[in-house]
Amino acid sequence: MSLSCVAIILCSLTASPELRGVYAAAGIVCGIALWVALRAVGRVNPARRS
């Protein structure tokens, strides 16, 4: 999923001006979803380690 986020953001750099914002927003949403998923399993917040 992290590679998908990077790919979407890279696509936004080469996209037409009309679609650049859409790709950038999709990359940001993908990154947030990845962060939430990793936080749920305890990989982002070190305080939750057991």
C-alpha atoms as a PDB file:
ATOM      1  CA  MET A   1       0.000   0.000   0.000  1.00  0.00           C
ATOM      2  CA  SER A   2       2.871   2.368   0.694  1.00  0.00           C
ATOM      3  CA  LEU A   3       4.156   1.796  -2.841  1.00  0.00           C
ATOM      4  CA  SER A   4       0.699   2.688  -4.125  1.00  0.00           C
ATOM      5  CA  CYS A   5       0.846   5.975  -2.221  1.00  0.00           C
ATOM      6  CA  VAL A   6       4.211   6.794  -3.755  1.00  0.00           C
ATOM      7  CA  ALA A   7       3.014   5.830  -7.238  1.00  0.00           C
ATOM      8  CA  ILE A   8      -0.088   8.002  -6.946  1.00  0.00           C
ATOM      9  CA  ILE A   9       1.945  11.001  -5.812  1.00  0.00           C
ATOM     10  CA  LEU A  10       4.458  10.463  -8.641  1.00  0.00           C
ATOM     11  CA  CYS A  11       1.570  10.290 -11.120  1.00  0.00           C
ATOM     12  CA  SER A  12       0.320  13.598  -9.772  1.00  0.00           C
ATOM     13  CA  LEU A  13       3.635  15.209 -10.711  1.00  0.00           C
ATOM     14  CA  THR A  14       3.262  14.194 -14.370  1.00  0.00           C
ATOM     15  CA  ALA A  15      -0.519  14.608 -14.662  1.00  0.00           C
ATOM     16  CA  SER A  16      -2.245  17.418 -16.459  1.00  0.00           C
ATOM     17  CA  PRO A  17      -3.040  20.494 -14.364  1.00  0.00           C
ATOM     18  CA  GLU A  18      -6.728  19.513 -14.241  1.00  0.00           C
ATOM     19  CA  LEU A  19      -6.004  16.126 -12.670  1.00  0.00           C
ATOM     20  CA  ARG A  20      -2.954  17.001 -10.566  1.00  0.00           C
ATOM     21  CA  GLY A  21      -5.054  17.893  -7.516  1.00  0.00           C
ATOM     22  CA  VAL A  22      -7.086  14.692  -7.791  1.00  0.00           C
ATOM     23  CA  TYR A  23      -3.971  12.503  -7.863  1.00  0.00           C
ATOM     24  CA  ALA A  24      -2.341  14.434  -5.026  1.00  0.00           C
ATOM     25  CA  ALA A  25      -5.479  14.112  -2.888  1.00  0.00           C
ATOM     26  CA  ALA A  26      -5.668  10.366  -3.640  1.00  0.00           C
ATOM     27  CA  GLY A  27      -2.043   9.954  -2.565  1.00  0.00           C
ATOM     28  CA  ILE A  28      -2.673  11.818   0.677  1.00  0.00           C
ATOM     29  CA  VAL A  29      -5.811   9.787   1.430  1.00  0.00           C
ATOM     30  CA  CYS A  30      -3.895   6.573   0.673  1.00  0.00           C
ATOM     31  CA  GLY A  31      -1.103   7.656   3.031  1.00  0.00           C
ATOM     32  CA  ILE A  32      -3.553   8.447   5.810  1.00  0.00           C
ATOM     33  CA  ALA A  33      -5.262   5.075   5.327  1.00  0.00           C
ATOM     34  CA  LEU A  34      -1.884   3.343   5.540  1.00  0.00           C
ATOM     35  CA  TRP A  35      -0.996   5.240   8.715  1.00  0.00           C
ATOM     36  CA  VAL A  36      -4.345   4.336  10.325  1.00  0.00           C
ATOM     37  CA  ALA A  37      -3.940   0.665   9.361  1.00  0.00           C
ATOM     38  CA  LEU A  38      -0.408   0.500  10.767  1.00  0.00           C
ATOM     39  CA  ARG A  39      -1.462   2.306  13.915  1.00  0.00           C
ATOM     40  CA  ALA A  40      -4.265  -0.240  14.406  1.00  0.00           C
ATOM     41  CA  VAL A  41      -1.731  -3.082  14.490  1.00  0.00           C
ATOM     42  CA  GLY A  42       0.654  -1.124  16.720  1.00  0.00           C
ATOM     43  CA  ARG A  43       3.480  -0.403  14.273  1.00  0.00           C
ATOM     44  CA  VAL A  44       3.267   3.390  14.293  1.00  0.00           C
ATOM     45  CA  ASN A  45       2.751   4.178  17.969  1.00  0.00           C
ATOM     46  CA  PRO A  46       5.739   2.769  19.899  1.00  0.00           C
ATOM     47  CA  ALA A  47       3.947   3.286  23.218  1.00  0.00           C
ATOM     48  CA  ARG A  48       1.553   0.454  22.316  1.00  0.00           C
ATOM     49  CA  ARG A  49       4.320  -2.171  22.047  1.00  0.00           C
ATOM     50  CA  SER A  50       3.918  -5.109  24.362  1.00  0.00           C
END
